[in-house]
Amino acid sequence: MLHQRIETIVASLRRGLQEKEELVRLALLATLAGEHLFLYGPPGTAKSLIARRLTGVFRDGKRFEQLLGRFTTPEELFGPISITRMKDHDRYERITEGYLPEADIVFLDEIWNASSPILNTLLTAINERRFRNGQEELILPLKSVISASASLPPDDPALCNLWDRFLLRLPVRYVEQRESFLALLNHSDSTVDAPIPRDEQISIDELDEWQDRIEAVEIPGDVLELIHDVRERILRHNAMQEKQGTPPVAVSDRRWSRLARLLRTSAFFNDRTAVNVLDCILMRHCLWSRDEEIEVVDTIVRQAVHRYATSGRFDPSLYREQFEEVTARIREAGVEVMRESVVEPVEYRGEYYRVMDFVEDHQTLIWIGDYQQLGESRATETDLFFYGPDEDYAYSERFSMRRDGDLAVIIGDERYYIEVHETEEDREQAVEIAPEVQAELVARLTAILAETTTVASEIERYRDANSGAAEQHLFVHRSFAGIVTTGMNQASRDLQELRSEIGLIMETLTAEHRGEAD
């Protein structure tokens, strides 16, 4: 099993290192995937040691290390000019043995300190794994370039292409936990190589054979939707930040494509033939470019994974919609709409009712709110408003009055009616649901209940499987399993609540059906 073999290699790589397990695992993943890695952190955090140990992963592997600076020359990276070849054959060629063109693992420290010509030459070697040596174009055995710096690249368009080639970008910190610090003090051998047994090392033939199998690893449709959700969330974030003048989180098409292959590699070495949600957590290491984006991307990936676990793979809302369609049909079948005539007050200007025959030469109006607050047992001082023949306001006066039923008032000892008109309105009347309709609705609810029962079982199996897989995942910290588990638990609760509601409705329908039969 590849999984066990990789675990053995990881155990050797991390020997004597404190709080670097995830870093070691991701560096190994980058190397196995043929991707390049950028380590972002201060000096003295084992960056070069990890690169050195990665060389031992490959049988007869070669490494090359170089601290870059403003005055680093091509000779220091690609080898000196061969005086013999120039003298005897008039050819400008380099002696590449022991230099970058022949290395499997390359470590470049303080990479952003190098000059532009050096970085441009590196770009071709890193991207195409080719190097022109005189008239010959060399195919480089390069597996991975690991670069390191205490800073991110300066805001220089000339560096964008090179920076884009480093798919994984990992912050590296000093030891923080007390136990780790004490262990660091007690293990003086943490700075030496940790040899990997030869029978556990990876041969070039094996690695080549694995590359073809990695390409065959499937990315299922639901996982593709999860990746797309991450992309959409980044675009929405960028749209909001644009209004504030903040640079966007920029992810090139090249990086998305390389990311997909990284996820396939992760699945392959975890002994799977398809990418799953746990592999997708690796996106958090691949999509940021600036310091302030690290937390943004991490949050976006977490939110997308939680949504996937809650409703992306198993969506309770689909069954909720089906249930609500049935309940709407039940309500519709259980009522009969009757059209009837009703008498109601006429509204004037949307504010008043009219008191009929109170005076002869003016319209007499009362506030609707005042009228509704009048009691029938005790009179209340209330304003009446008088309008002339042209509906112009004339004057107002207060009177002591009370309600007399729904459509009249008593002012003094006289009854005055409120002006009304006749209209029609719909009135619902409960009726028994027809037996054949009841049978149809019960059948639909039974089908939804059966589907939700199946899905609930699938959720439990998927949750348990992923919980176990998270504990064993080679490249994702097990703490992230909680995101998936929490989401699945929420989906499970939503389905259970829905199934309970379906059961209650079915019980009511079947009881009514039995009552009719009796």
Protein backbone atom coordinates (compact mmCIF):
# COMPACT_ATOMS: atom_id res chain seq x y z
CA MET A 1 0.00 0.00 0.00
CA LEU A 2 1.37 3.40 -0.98
CA HIS A 3 -0.16 5.04 2.08
CA GLN A 4 1.95 3.00 4.48
CA ARG A 5 5.08 3.54 2.44
CA ILE A 6 4.60 7.30 2.44
CA GLU A 7 3.98 7.24 6.21
CA THR A 8 7.31 5.48 6.67
CA ILE A 9 9.05 8.11 4.56
CA VAL A 10 7.35 10.92 6.53
CA ALA A 11 8.52 9.37 9.81
CA SER A 12 12.13 9.57 8.59
CA LEU A 13 11.76 13.10 7.21
CA ARG A 14 10.34 14.54 10.43
CA ARG A 15 12.71 12.81 12.83
CA GLY A 16 13.98 15.29 15.43
CA LEU A 17 11.92 18.18 13.99
CA GLN A 18 9.42 19.91 16.26
CA GLU A 19 6.06 21.28 15.06
CA LYS A 20 7.03 20.65 11.44
CA GLU A 21 4.98 17.55 10.66
CA GLU A 22 2.43 19.28 8.42
CA LEU A 23 5.22 21.20 6.69
CA VAL A 24 7.13 17.97 6.02
CA ARG A 25 4.06 16.22 4.66
CA LEU A 26 3.16 19.10 2.33
CA ALA A 27 6.75 19.44 1.11
CA LEU A 28 6.74 15.73 0.29
CA LEU A 29 3.39 16.08 -1.50
CA ALA A 30 4.76 18.95 -3.60
CA THR A 31 7.76 16.84 -4.56
CA LEU A 32 5.68 13.77 -5.45
CA ALA A 33 3.32 15.97 -7.51
CA GLY A 34 6.22 17.62 -9.31
CA GLU A 35 5.20 21.02 -7.93
CA HIS A 36 7.30 23.79 -6.45
CA LEU A 37 7.09 24.99 -2.88
CA PHE A 38 7.68 28.36 -1.22
CA LEU A 39 8.52 28.47 2.48
CA TYR A 40 7.73 31.82 4.07
CA GLY A 41 9.34 32.51 7.41
CA PRO A 42 12.37 33.68 9.37
CA PRO A 43 15.79 32.02 9.32
CA GLY A 44 16.44 29.08 11.61
CA THR A 45 13.13 27.26 11.07
CA ALA A 46 14.53 24.10 9.36
CA LYS A 47 13.65 25.17 5.82
CA SER A 48 16.95 24.09 4.28
CA LEU A 49 17.04 20.92 6.41
CA ILE A 50 13.68 19.79 5.08
CA ALA A 51 14.83 20.40 1.50
CA ARG A 52 18.02 18.44 2.18
CA ARG A 53 16.11 15.51 3.62
CA LEU A 54 13.67 15.44 0.69
CA THR A 55 16.56 14.50 -1.59
CA GLY A 56 16.82 11.22 0.29
CA VAL A 57 13.27 10.31 -0.69
CA PHE A 58 14.56 9.36 -4.14
CA ARG A 59 16.95 6.53 -4.75
CA ASP A 60 20.30 8.04 -5.80
CA GLY A 61 18.66 11.49 -5.65
CA LYS A 62 20.78 14.60 -6.08
CA ARG A 63 20.26 17.99 -4.48
CA PHE A 64 21.45 21.51 -5.08
CA GLU A 65 21.38 24.39 -2.59
CA GLN A 66 22.19 28.04 -3.08
CA LEU A 67 21.75 31.23 -1.07
CA LEU A 68 20.82 33.90 -3.59
CA GLY A 69 21.88 37.52 -3.51
CA ARG A 70 22.15 40.54 -5.77
CA PHE A 71 25.54 39.40 -7.03
CA THR A 72 24.76 35.71 -7.55
CA THR A 73 26.08 34.71 -10.99
CA PRO A 74 24.77 32.12 -13.46
CA GLU A 75 27.94 30.08 -12.81
CA GLU A 76 26.93 29.58 -9.18
CA LEU A 77 23.61 28.04 -10.25
CA PHE A 78 24.20 26.35 -13.59
CA GLY A 79 27.94 25.58 -13.46
CA PRO A 80 31.12 27.21 -14.73
CA ILE A 81 32.02 27.60 -18.38
CA SER A 82 34.05 24.64 -19.68
CA ILE A 83 37.38 26.05 -20.72
CA THR A 84 38.26 22.78 -22.45
CA ARG A 85 35.11 22.75 -24.57
CA MET A 86 35.66 26.38 -25.51
CA LYS A 87 39.34 25.86 -26.30
CA ASP A 88 39.11 22.55 -28.16
CA HIS A 89 35.66 22.81 -29.78
CA ASP A 90 34.91 26.54 -29.73
CA ARG A 91 31.69 25.87 -27.80
CA TYR A 92 30.24 27.89 -24.95
CA GLU A 93 29.08 25.15 -22.58
CA ARG A 94 28.81 24.78 -18.83
CA ILE A 95 30.01 22.02 -16.56
CA THR A 96 26.66 21.14 -14.97
CA GLU A 97 27.74 18.27 -12.73
CA GLY A 98 26.94 19.14 -9.11
CA TYR A 99 24.82 22.12 -10.12
CA LEU A 100 21.10 22.86 -10.61
CA PRO A 101 20.70 21.22 -14.07
CA GLU A 102 21.49 17.78 -12.62
CA ALA A 103 19.63 18.03 -9.31
CA ASP A 104 16.40 16.28 -8.33
CA ILE A 105 15.69 18.65 -5.45
CA VAL A 106 16.74 22.31 -5.54
CA PHE A 107 16.69 24.62 -2.54
CA LEU A 108 17.01 28.35 -3.21
CA ASP A 109 17.26 30.47 -0.09
CA GLU A 110 16.26 34.16 -0.11
CA ILE A 111 15.13 33.80 -3.69
CA TRP A 112 13.81 37.36 -4.08
CA ASN A 113 17.30 38.77 -3.51
CA ALA A 114 18.50 37.48 -6.89
CA SER A 115 18.88 39.75 -9.92
CA SER A 116 16.31 39.82 -12.71
CA PRO A 117 18.54 37.91 -15.24
CA ILE A 118 19.03 35.09 -12.73
CA LEU A 119 15.29 34.91 -11.95
CA ASN A 120 14.39 34.90 -15.66
CA THR A 121 16.75 31.99 -16.29
CA LEU A 122 15.30 30.18 -13.29
CA LEU A 123 11.76 30.69 -14.64
CA THR A 124 12.49 28.60 -17.74
CA ALA A 125 14.21 25.86 -15.74
CA ILE A 126 11.43 25.77 -13.14
CA ASN A 127 8.52 25.90 -15.55
CA GLU A 128 9.72 23.81 -18.48
CA ARG A 129 12.40 21.70 -16.76
CA ARG A 130 14.69 22.51 -19.64
CA PHE A 131 18.08 24.24 -19.79
CA ARG A 132 20.01 25.22 -22.90
CA ASN A 133 23.68 24.40 -22.49
CA GLY A 134 25.43 25.68 -25.57
CA GLN A 135 23.85 23.96 -28.55
CA GLU A 136 22.26 21.24 -26.44
CA GLU A 137 18.91 21.50 -24.66
CA LEU A 138 18.99 19.51 -21.42
CA ILE A 139 15.89 17.81 -19.98
CA LEU A 140 16.25 18.42 -16.25
CA PRO A 141 15.57 15.64 -13.70
CA LEU A 142 14.11 18.33 -11.46
CA LYS A 143 11.35 17.08 -9.15
CA SER A 144 10.75 20.20 -7.12
CA VAL A 145 12.22 23.60 -6.37
CA ILE A 146 11.87 24.63 -2.77
CA SER A 147 12.44 28.31 -2.30
CA ALA A 148 12.51 30.24 0.94
CA SER A 149 12.47 33.80 2.12
CA ALA A 150 11.63 35.85 5.17
CA SER A 151 9.50 38.05 2.91
CA LEU A 152 7.06 37.72 0.05
CA PRO A 153 8.08 38.91 -3.42
CA PRO A 154 8.09 42.67 -3.88
CA ASP A 155 5.31 44.25 -5.91
CA ASP A 156 7.12 43.87 -9.22
CA PRO A 157 5.33 42.66 -12.39
CA ALA A 158 8.59 41.04 -13.50
CA LEU A 159 8.33 38.57 -10.59
CA CYS A 160 4.68 37.57 -11.11
CA ASN A 161 5.42 34.72 -13.51
CA LEU A 162 8.05 33.18 -11.25
CA TRP A 163 5.90 33.61 -8.13
CA ASP A 164 2.99 31.94 -9.90
CA ARG A 165 5.05 28.75 -10.39
CA PHE A 166 5.21 28.06 -6.64
CA LEU A 167 1.90 26.26 -6.15
CA LEU A 168 2.22 25.56 -2.44
CA ARG A 169 3.01 28.51 -0.17
CA LEU A 170 3.58 27.66 3.46
CA PRO A 171 4.24 30.00 6.38
CA VAL A 172 6.96 28.60 8.67
CA ARG A 173 7.22 29.64 12.30
CA TYR A 174 9.49 29.11 15.25
CA VAL A 175 8.61 26.40 17.75
CA GLU A 176 5.74 27.64 19.95
CA GLN A 177 4.58 24.88 22.31
CA ARG A 178 6.42 24.25 25.60
CA GLU A 179 6.77 20.50 25.03
CA SER A 180 8.15 21.06 21.54
CA PHE A 181 10.64 23.61 22.83
CA LEU A 182 11.92 21.25 25.52
CA ALA A 183 12.21 18.46 22.98
CA LEU A 184 14.18 20.81 20.74
CA LEU A 185 16.65 21.41 23.56
CA ASN A 186 17.00 17.70 24.30
CA HIS A 187 17.60 16.54 20.73
CA SER A 188 20.84 17.89 19.36
CA ASP A 189 20.69 15.68 16.25
CA SER A 190 17.77 17.47 14.63
CA THR A 191 20.10 19.31 12.26
CA VAL A 192 21.52 16.14 10.64
CA ASP A 193 20.11 14.07 7.83
CA ALA A 194 17.56 11.36 8.63
CA PRO A 195 18.36 8.60 6.12
CA ILE A 196 15.49 6.70 4.52
CA PRO A 197 16.08 2.95 4.09
CA ARG A 198 16.94 2.18 0.49
CA ASP A 199 14.07 -0.25 0.08
CA GLU A 200 11.67 2.55 1.08
CA GLN A 201 13.19 5.11 -1.28
CA ILE A 202 11.37 5.92 -4.52
CA SER A 203 13.01 5.03 -7.81
CA ILE A 204 12.71 7.15 -10.95
CA ASP A 205 10.87 4.32 -12.72
CA GLU A 206 8.31 4.14 -9.92
CA LEU A 207 7.76 7.87 -9.97
CA ASP A 208 7.24 7.87 -13.74
CA GLU A 209 4.76 5.00 -13.48
CA TRP A 210 2.85 6.80 -10.73
CA GLN A 211 2.48 9.96 -12.83
CA ASP A 212 0.32 8.13 -15.38
CA ARG A 213 -1.86 6.66 -12.61
CA ILE A 214 -2.22 10.06 -10.97
CA GLU A 215 -3.61 11.48 -14.22
CA ALA A 216 -6.31 8.78 -14.11
CA VAL A 217 -7.56 9.81 -10.64
CA GLU A 218 -11.11 11.13 -10.93
CA ILE A 219 -12.40 14.42 -9.61
CA PRO A 220 -16.12 13.66 -8.99
CA GLY A 221 -18.80 16.16 -9.94
CA ASP A 222 -19.61 17.13 -6.35
CA VAL A 223 -15.92 17.86 -5.66
CA LEU A 224 -15.68 19.92 -8.84
CA GLU A 225 -18.64 21.94 -7.55
CA LEU A 226 -16.81 22.44 -4.24
CA ILE A 227 -13.75 23.78 -6.07
CA HIS A 228 -16.00 26.01 -8.17
CA ASP A 229 -17.66 27.27 -4.98
CA VAL A 230 -14.24 28.32 -3.64
CA ARG A 231 -13.56 30.18 -6.88
CA GLU A 232 -16.94 31.94 -6.74
CA ARG A 233 -16.36 32.98 -3.13
CA ILE A 234 -12.99 34.45 -4.09
CA LEU A 235 -14.62 36.40 -6.94
CA ARG A 236 -17.32 37.74 -4.59
CA HIS A 237 -14.63 38.74 -2.10
CA ASN A 238 -12.72 40.52 -4.87
CA ALA A 239 -15.85 42.40 -5.97
CA MET A 240 -16.37 43.71 -2.43
CA GLN A 241 -12.71 44.61 -2.00
CA GLU A 242 -12.63 46.45 -5.33
CA LYS A 243 -15.00 49.05 -3.93
CA GLN A 244 -12.47 49.72 -1.16
CA GLY A 245 -9.51 49.87 -3.53
CA THR A 246 -7.95 46.65 -2.15
CA PRO A 247 -6.02 44.40 -4.60
CA PRO A 248 -7.89 41.20 -5.50
CA VAL A 249 -6.96 37.64 -4.57
CA ALA A 250 -5.54 36.74 -7.99
CA VAL A 251 -5.48 33.05 -8.98
CA SER A 252 -4.38 32.28 -12.52
CA ASP A 253 -5.89 29.55 -14.70
CA ARG A 254 -2.48 27.87 -14.54
CA ARG A 255 -2.69 27.61 -10.75
CA TRP A 256 -6.23 26.18 -10.84
CA SER A 257 -5.05 23.56 -13.33
CA ARG A 258 -1.97 22.65 -11.27
CA LEU A 259 -4.09 22.60 -8.13
CA ALA A 260 -6.34 19.96 -9.67
CA ARG A 261 -3.30 17.75 -10.27
CA LEU A 262 -2.10 18.31 -6.72
CA LEU A 263 -5.47 17.08 -5.41
CA ARG A 264 -5.26 14.01 -7.64
CA THR A 265 -1.78 13.32 -6.26
CA SER A 266 -3.08 13.61 -2.71
CA ALA A 267 -5.88 11.13 -3.44
CA PHE A 268 -3.51 8.71 -5.19
CA PHE A 269 -1.04 8.45 -2.31
CA ASN A 270 -3.96 8.06 0.09
CA ASP A 271 -4.81 4.89 -1.89
CA ARG A 272 -7.90 6.33 -3.56
CA THR A 273 -8.97 6.55 -7.19
CA ALA A 274 -11.00 9.74 -6.69
CA VAL A 275 -10.45 13.11 -5.02
CA ASN A 276 -12.59 13.74 -1.93
CA VAL A 277 -13.48 16.69 0.27
CA LEU A 278 -10.47 16.18 2.57
CA ASP A 279 -8.05 16.59 -0.33
CA CYS A 280 -9.74 19.91 -1.17
CA ILE A 281 -8.65 21.37 2.17
CA LEU A 282 -5.19 21.61 0.57
CA MET A 283 -6.50 24.58 -1.45
CA ARG A 284 -5.86 26.78 1.56
CA HIS A 285 -2.12 26.50 0.87
CA CYS A 286 -2.32 27.30 -2.85
CA LEU A 287 -4.55 30.31 -3.47
CA TRP A 288 -3.03 33.22 -1.54
CA SER A 289 -0.36 35.60 -2.77
CA ARG A 290 -0.12 38.36 -0.15
CA ASP A 291 0.21 38.25 3.62
CA GLU A 292 -3.28 39.55 4.26
CA GLU A 293 -4.79 36.93 1.95
CA ILE A 294 -3.67 33.95 4.05
CA GLU A 295 -6.55 34.26 6.52
CA VAL A 296 -9.02 35.27 3.79
CA VAL A 297 -8.31 32.15 1.72
CA ASP A 298 -8.32 29.91 4.78
CA THR A 299 -11.76 31.22 5.76
CA ILE A 300 -13.12 30.83 2.23
CA VAL A 301 -11.94 27.22 1.97
CA ARG A 302 -13.35 26.37 5.40
CA GLN A 303 -16.72 27.91 4.53
CA ALA A 304 -16.91 26.09 1.20
CA VAL A 305 -16.01 22.76 2.80
CA HIS A 306 -18.63 23.29 5.52
CA ARG A 307 -21.26 24.12 2.89
CA TYR A 308 -20.29 21.02 0.91
CA ALA A 309 -20.62 18.87 4.03
CA THR A 310 -23.93 20.50 5.00
CA SER A 311 -25.71 20.67 1.65
CA GLY A 312 -23.26 20.27 -1.22
CA ARG A 313 -22.99 16.49 -1.36
CA PHE A 314 -26.25 15.62 0.41
CA ASP A 315 -28.73 18.47 0.11
CA PRO A 316 -31.64 18.24 2.61
CA SER A 317 -33.18 21.38 1.09
CA LEU A 318 -34.12 19.42 -2.06
CA TYR A 319 -36.29 17.09 -0.01
CA ARG A 320 -37.61 20.00 2.03
CA GLU A 321 -38.81 21.63 -1.22
CA GLN A 322 -40.55 18.41 -2.28
CA PHE A 323 -42.22 18.16 1.14
CA GLU A 324 -43.42 21.74 1.00
CA GLU A 325 -44.93 21.10 -2.44
CA VAL A 326 -46.93 18.21 -0.97
CA THR A 327 -48.06 20.19 2.08
CA ALA A 328 -49.17 23.01 -0.21
CA ARG A 329 -51.20 20.46 -2.17
CA ILE A 330 -52.72 19.20 1.10
CA ARG A 331 -53.79 22.72 2.07
CA GLU A 332 -55.22 23.26 -1.39
CA ALA A 333 -57.16 19.98 -1.36
CA GLY A 334 -58.50 20.57 2.16
CA VAL A 335 -60.27 23.86 1.54
CA GLU A 336 -63.01 25.12 -0.72
CA VAL A 337 -63.03 28.77 -1.72
CA MET A 338 -66.45 30.42 -1.49
CA ARG A 339 -67.24 33.75 -3.17
CA GLU A 340 -69.60 35.85 -1.03
CA SER A 341 -70.92 39.40 -0.83
CA VAL A 342 -69.97 41.56 2.14
CA VAL A 343 -70.84 45.08 3.26
CA GLU A 344 -67.95 47.28 4.38
CA PRO A 345 -67.36 51.00 5.05
CA VAL A 346 -66.36 53.28 2.19
CA GLU A 347 -62.91 54.80 2.71
CA TYR A 348 -62.34 58.47 1.84
CA ARG A 349 -58.80 59.51 0.98
CA GLY A 350 -57.65 56.27 2.59
CA GLU A 351 -58.04 57.90 6.04
CA TYR A 352 -61.71 58.52 6.82
CA TYR A 353 -65.16 56.93 7.08
CA ARG A 354 -68.21 59.08 6.27
CA VAL A 355 -70.96 59.64 8.87
CA MET A 356 -74.21 59.82 6.92
CA ASP A 357 -76.90 62.57 7.36
CA PHE A 358 -75.20 64.33 10.29
CA VAL A 359 -75.49 67.74 8.63
CA GLU A 360 -77.12 68.67 5.35
CA ASP A 361 -74.61 71.03 3.76
CA HIS A 362 -71.31 69.26 4.49
CA GLN A 363 -69.75 65.82 4.31
CA THR A 364 -69.02 64.57 7.83
CA LEU A 365 -65.89 62.42 8.15
CA ILE A 366 -64.22 60.57 11.03
CA TRP A 367 -60.68 59.22 11.26
CA ILE A 368 -60.73 55.44 10.65
CA GLY A 369 -58.45 54.91 13.63
CA ASP A 370 -60.68 57.01 15.92
CA TYR A 371 -63.75 55.10 14.76
CA GLN A 372 -62.13 51.71 15.43
CA GLN A 373 -61.19 52.78 18.96
CA LEU A 374 -64.72 53.84 19.94
CA GLY A 375 -66.42 51.66 22.53
CA GLU A 376 -70.10 50.73 22.62
CA SER A 377 -70.74 51.23 26.32
CA ARG A 378 -69.15 54.61 26.99
CA ALA A 379 -68.95 57.74 24.82
CA THR A 380 -65.62 59.31 23.90
CA GLU A 381 -64.76 62.85 22.81
CA THR A 382 -63.88 62.45 19.14
CA ASP A 383 -63.13 64.82 16.23
CA LEU A 384 -65.42 65.06 13.20
CA PHE A 385 -64.20 66.81 10.04
CA PHE A 386 -66.52 68.74 7.71
CA TYR A 387 -65.93 69.20 4.00
CA GLY A 388 -67.90 71.44 1.61
CA PRO A 389 -69.62 70.50 -1.66
CA ASP A 390 -66.32 70.72 -3.54
CA GLU A 391 -64.70 68.42 -0.93
CA ASP A 392 -62.76 71.36 0.48
CA TYR A 393 -62.01 71.23 4.17
CA ALA A 394 -64.32 73.57 6.11
CA TYR A 395 -63.87 72.97 9.82
CA SER A 396 -63.69 70.28 12.55
CA GLU A 397 -65.51 69.86 15.86
CA ARG A 398 -65.36 67.44 18.79
CA PHE A 399 -68.40 65.40 19.80
CA SER A 400 -69.13 62.84 22.44
CA MET A 401 -69.91 59.59 20.66
CA ARG A 402 -69.84 55.82 20.89
CA ARG A 403 -70.08 52.87 18.52
CA ASP A 404 -73.40 51.24 17.75
CA GLY A 405 -72.56 47.87 16.24
CA ASP A 406 -70.11 47.68 13.34
CA LEU A 407 -71.58 50.30 11.03
CA ALA A 408 -73.11 53.14 13.12
CA VAL A 409 -72.31 55.68 15.84
CA ILE A 410 -74.41 57.32 18.56
CA ILE A 411 -73.91 61.09 18.83
CA GLY A 412 -76.05 62.56 21.60
CA ASP A 413 -79.10 60.35 21.47
CA GLU A 414 -79.18 59.97 17.68
CA ARG A 415 -77.91 57.05 15.59
CA TYR A 416 -75.96 57.87 12.45
CA TYR A 417 -74.87 55.23 9.97
CA ILE A 418 -71.46 54.89 8.36
CA GLU A 419 -71.56 54.98 4.57
CA VAL A 420 -71.04 51.46 3.19
CA HIS A 421 -70.81 49.66 -0.12
CA GLU A 422 -71.24 46.05 -1.11
CA THR A 423 -68.27 44.02 -2.40
CA GLU A 424 -67.26 40.40 -2.86
CA GLU A 425 -64.48 38.44 -1.20
CA ASP A 426 -63.18 34.89 -1.13
CA ARG A 427 -63.81 32.83 1.99
CA GLU A 428 -62.13 29.50 2.63
CA GLN A 429 -64.13 26.64 4.03
CA ALA A 430 -62.54 23.42 5.27
CA VAL A 431 -63.60 20.28 3.38
CA GLU A 432 -62.63 16.63 3.52
CA ILE A 433 -59.87 15.60 1.14
CA ALA A 434 -61.04 13.15 -1.48
CA PRO A 435 -59.85 9.57 -0.82
CA GLU A 436 -58.02 9.28 -4.14
CA VAL A 437 -56.19 12.57 -3.44
CA GLN A 438 -55.29 11.38 0.05
CA ALA A 439 -53.87 8.18 -1.40
CA GLU A 440 -51.80 10.14 -3.91
CA LEU A 441 -50.41 12.49 -1.24
CA VAL A 442 -49.57 9.64 1.13
CA ALA A 443 -47.73 7.89 -1.72
CA ARG A 444 -45.68 11.00 -2.47
CA LEU A 445 -44.81 11.48 1.20
CA THR A 446 -43.86 7.81 1.51
CA ALA A 447 -41.48 8.18 -1.43
CA ILE A 448 -39.86 11.30 0.09
CA LEU A 449 -39.53 9.52 3.44
CA ALA A 450 -37.86 6.53 1.80
CA GLU A 451 -35.39 8.78 -0.05
CA THR A 452 -34.52 10.79 3.05
CA THR A 453 -34.01 7.58 5.03
CA THR A 454 -31.56 6.36 2.37
CA VAL A 455 -29.75 9.68 2.28
CA ALA A 456 -29.54 9.81 6.09
CA SER A 457 -27.84 6.40 6.05
CA GLU A 458 -25.45 7.57 3.31
CA ILE A 459 -24.59 10.64 5.35
CA GLU A 460 -23.73 8.50 8.37
CA ARG A 461 -21.54 6.20 6.28
CA TYR A 462 -19.84 9.10 4.53
CA ARG A 463 -19.29 10.97 7.80
CA ASP A 464 -17.84 7.92 9.53
CA ALA A 465 -15.66 7.06 6.55
CA ASN A 466 -14.30 10.59 6.26
CA SER A 467 -13.79 10.85 9.99
CA GLY A 468 -11.63 7.75 9.82
CA ALA A 469 -9.94 8.89 6.61
CA ALA A 470 -9.12 12.25 8.19
CA GLU A 471 -7.31 10.52 10.99
CA GLN A 472 -5.18 8.70 8.41
CA HIS A 473 -4.88 11.39 5.71
CA LEU A 474 -1.27 11.84 4.70
CA PHE A 475 -1.33 15.55 3.94
CA VAL A 476 -4.26 17.18 5.78
CA HIS A 477 -4.13 17.85 9.48
CA ARG A 478 -6.72 15.76 11.30
CA SER A 479 -8.17 18.86 13.01
CA PHE A 480 -9.85 19.77 9.71
CA ALA A 481 -11.96 16.62 9.87
CA GLY A 482 -14.15 18.51 12.33
CA ILE A 483 -15.36 20.82 9.54
CA VAL A 484 -16.68 17.87 7.55
CA THR A 485 -18.11 16.12 10.61
CA THR A 486 -19.89 19.25 11.83
CA GLY A 487 -21.42 19.85 8.43
CA MET A 488 -22.55 16.25 8.07
CA ASN A 489 -24.09 16.34 11.56
CA GLN A 490 -26.07 19.43 10.59
CA ALA A 491 -27.30 17.78 7.38
CA SER A 492 -28.26 14.71 9.38
CA ARG A 493 -30.23 16.80 11.89
CA ASP A 494 -32.01 18.66 9.07
CA LEU A 495 -33.06 15.37 7.50
CA GLN A 496 -34.21 13.95 10.83
CA GLU A 497 -36.37 17.01 11.48
CA LEU A 498 -37.85 16.72 7.98
CA ARG A 499 -38.58 13.03 8.43
CA SER A 500 -40.37 13.76 11.71
CA GLU A 501 -42.56 16.37 10.00
CA ILE A 502 -43.34 13.95 7.17
CA GLY A 503 -44.32 11.30 9.70
CA LEU A 504 -46.74 13.65 11.47
CA ILE A 505 -48.41 14.72 8.22
CA MET A 506 -48.72 11.10 7.06
CA GLU A 507 -50.22 10.09 10.39
CA THR A 508 -52.85 12.83 10.07
CA LEU A 509 -53.69 11.91 6.47
CA THR A 510 -53.97 8.20 7.11
CA ALA A 511 -56.10 8.81 10.23
CA GLU A 512 -58.51 10.94 8.19
CA HIS A 513 -58.58 8.26 5.49
CA ARG A 514 -59.44 5.56 8.05
CA GLY A 515 -62.14 7.80 9.52
CA GLU A 516 -63.75 8.21 6.11
CA ALA A 517 -63.63 4.49 5.51
CA ASP A 518 -65.36 3.84 8.82
